[in-house]
Amino acid sequence: MMHALNIFDGSRAIARLLILLHDKRGQGLPVTGTHRLMKERFSVARIASDSSLRSAIELGLVEQYKSGEYTLNILTARGDVVAVKVKELEKALTDDLSGS
């Protein structure tokens, strides 16, 4: 189990990637759209997005599907569960900070 946490911790933006894909409610995002939205919403550069995506795929949190000329990034069932937990953590941290 520790190996999975090492991979998760080693990715600068994996939590943000999971949140972004979760917000798409199963529709997925093309790779180019993922890069653009990671930059716009979270100020995450393409290199960090790519490494986080690779880590998410390795952990079984994201799958990629070819759809015509696009490659879509879609959360797996496991990825969806983890994304919900990450969003809960984000909310707990945000609520705690705003209450101080």
Protein backbone atom coordinates (compact mmCIF):
# COMPACT_ATOMS: atom_id res chain seq x y z
CA MET A 1 0.00 0.00 0.00
CA MET A 2 2.82 2.39 0.75
CA HIS A 3 3.97 2.13 -2.87
CA ALA A 4 0.65 3.60 -4.06
CA LEU A 5 0.97 6.53 -1.65
CA ASN A 6 4.52 7.15 -2.87
CA ILE A 7 3.24 7.41 -6.42
CA PHE A 8 0.37 9.67 -5.34
CA ASP A 9 2.66 11.89 -3.25
CA GLY A 10 5.26 12.08 -5.99
CA SER A 11 2.81 13.63 -8.45
CA ARG A 12 2.60 17.37 -8.08
CA ALA A 13 -0.94 17.70 -9.38
CA ILE A 14 -2.66 14.32 -9.21
CA ALA A 15 -5.27 15.54 -6.70
CA ARG A 16 -6.15 18.45 -8.99
CA LEU A 17 -6.36 16.14 -11.99
CA LEU A 18 -8.79 13.85 -10.17
CA ILE A 19 -10.96 16.81 -9.15
CA LEU A 20 -10.98 18.11 -12.72
CA LEU A 21 -12.00 14.75 -14.19
CA HIS A 22 -14.58 14.16 -11.44
CA ASP A 23 -16.21 17.49 -12.28
CA LYS A 24 -16.73 16.19 -15.84
CA ARG A 25 -19.13 13.56 -14.45
CA GLY A 26 -17.92 10.63 -16.51
CA GLN A 27 -17.70 12.49 -19.81
CA GLY A 28 -13.91 12.53 -19.75
CA LEU A 29 -11.62 15.08 -21.25
CA PRO A 30 -9.39 15.00 -24.30
CA VAL A 31 -5.70 15.24 -23.44
CA THR A 32 -5.48 18.76 -24.90
CA GLY A 33 -8.52 19.85 -22.87
CA THR A 34 -6.99 18.34 -19.75
CA HIS A 35 -3.81 20.37 -20.25
CA ARG A 36 -5.74 23.57 -20.92
CA LEU A 37 -8.05 23.24 -17.92
CA MET A 38 -5.25 22.20 -15.56
CA LYS A 39 -3.45 25.39 -16.58
CA GLU A 40 -6.55 27.62 -16.36
CA ARG A 41 -8.04 26.28 -13.12
CA PHE A 42 -4.96 25.31 -11.15
CA SER A 43 -1.96 27.00 -12.86
CA VAL A 44 -0.43 23.57 -13.46
CA ALA A 45 2.00 23.32 -16.37
CA ARG A 46 1.79 20.64 -19.02
CA ILE A 47 4.79 18.70 -17.67
CA ALA A 48 3.17 18.38 -14.23
CA SER A 49 -0.17 17.47 -15.85
CA ASP A 50 1.48 14.75 -17.92
CA SER A 51 3.37 13.23 -14.98
CA SER A 52 0.24 13.32 -12.82
CA LEU A 53 -1.75 11.66 -15.59
CA ARG A 54 0.87 8.91 -15.93
CA SER A 55 0.75 8.34 -12.16
CA ALA A 56 -3.07 8.27 -12.14
CA ILE A 57 -3.04 5.67 -14.94
CA GLU A 58 -0.42 3.60 -13.10
CA LEU A 59 -2.58 3.65 -9.95
CA GLY A 60 -5.67 2.60 -11.92
CA LEU A 61 -7.44 5.89 -11.26
CA VAL A 62 -7.68 7.04 -14.88
CA GLU A 63 -8.08 5.21 -18.17
CA GLN A 64 -7.47 6.57 -21.62
CA TYR A 65 -9.71 5.81 -24.58
CA LYS A 66 -9.26 6.64 -28.22
CA SER A 67 -12.27 8.44 -29.64
CA GLY A 68 -11.67 9.37 -33.23
CA GLU A 69 -8.70 11.69 -33.29
CA TYR A 70 -8.82 12.34 -29.54
CA THR A 71 -7.51 10.46 -26.56
CA LEU A 72 -9.96 10.83 -23.67
CA ASN A 73 -8.99 10.74 -20.01
CA ILE A 74 -11.76 9.19 -17.90
CA LEU A 75 -11.86 8.30 -14.21
CA THR A 76 -12.15 4.62 -13.38
CA ALA A 77 -14.53 3.50 -10.62
CA ARG A 78 -11.55 3.54 -8.25
CA GLY A 79 -10.57 7.00 -9.50
CA ASP A 80 -14.06 8.28 -8.85
CA VAL A 81 -13.94 7.05 -5.24
CA VAL A 82 -10.52 8.63 -4.68
CA ALA A 83 -11.62 11.89 -6.35
CA VAL A 84 -14.60 12.13 -3.97
CA LYS A 85 -12.24 11.67 -1.01
CA VAL A 86 -9.85 14.30 -2.37
CA LYS A 87 -12.74 16.74 -2.75
CA GLU A 88 -13.81 16.00 0.83
CA LEU A 89 -10.26 16.68 2.00
CA GLU A 90 -10.16 19.92 0.03
CA LYS A 91 -13.46 21.01 1.58
CA ALA A 92 -12.29 20.12 5.10
CA LEU A 93 -9.09 22.09 4.59
CA THR A 94 -10.91 25.05 3.07
CA ASP A 95 -13.61 25.09 5.75
CA ASP A 96 -10.97 24.90 8.46
CA LEU A 97 -8.98 27.78 6.96
CA SER A 98 -12.01 30.02 6.45
CA GLY A 99 -13.16 29.39 10.03
CA SER A 100 -9.89 30.62 11.52
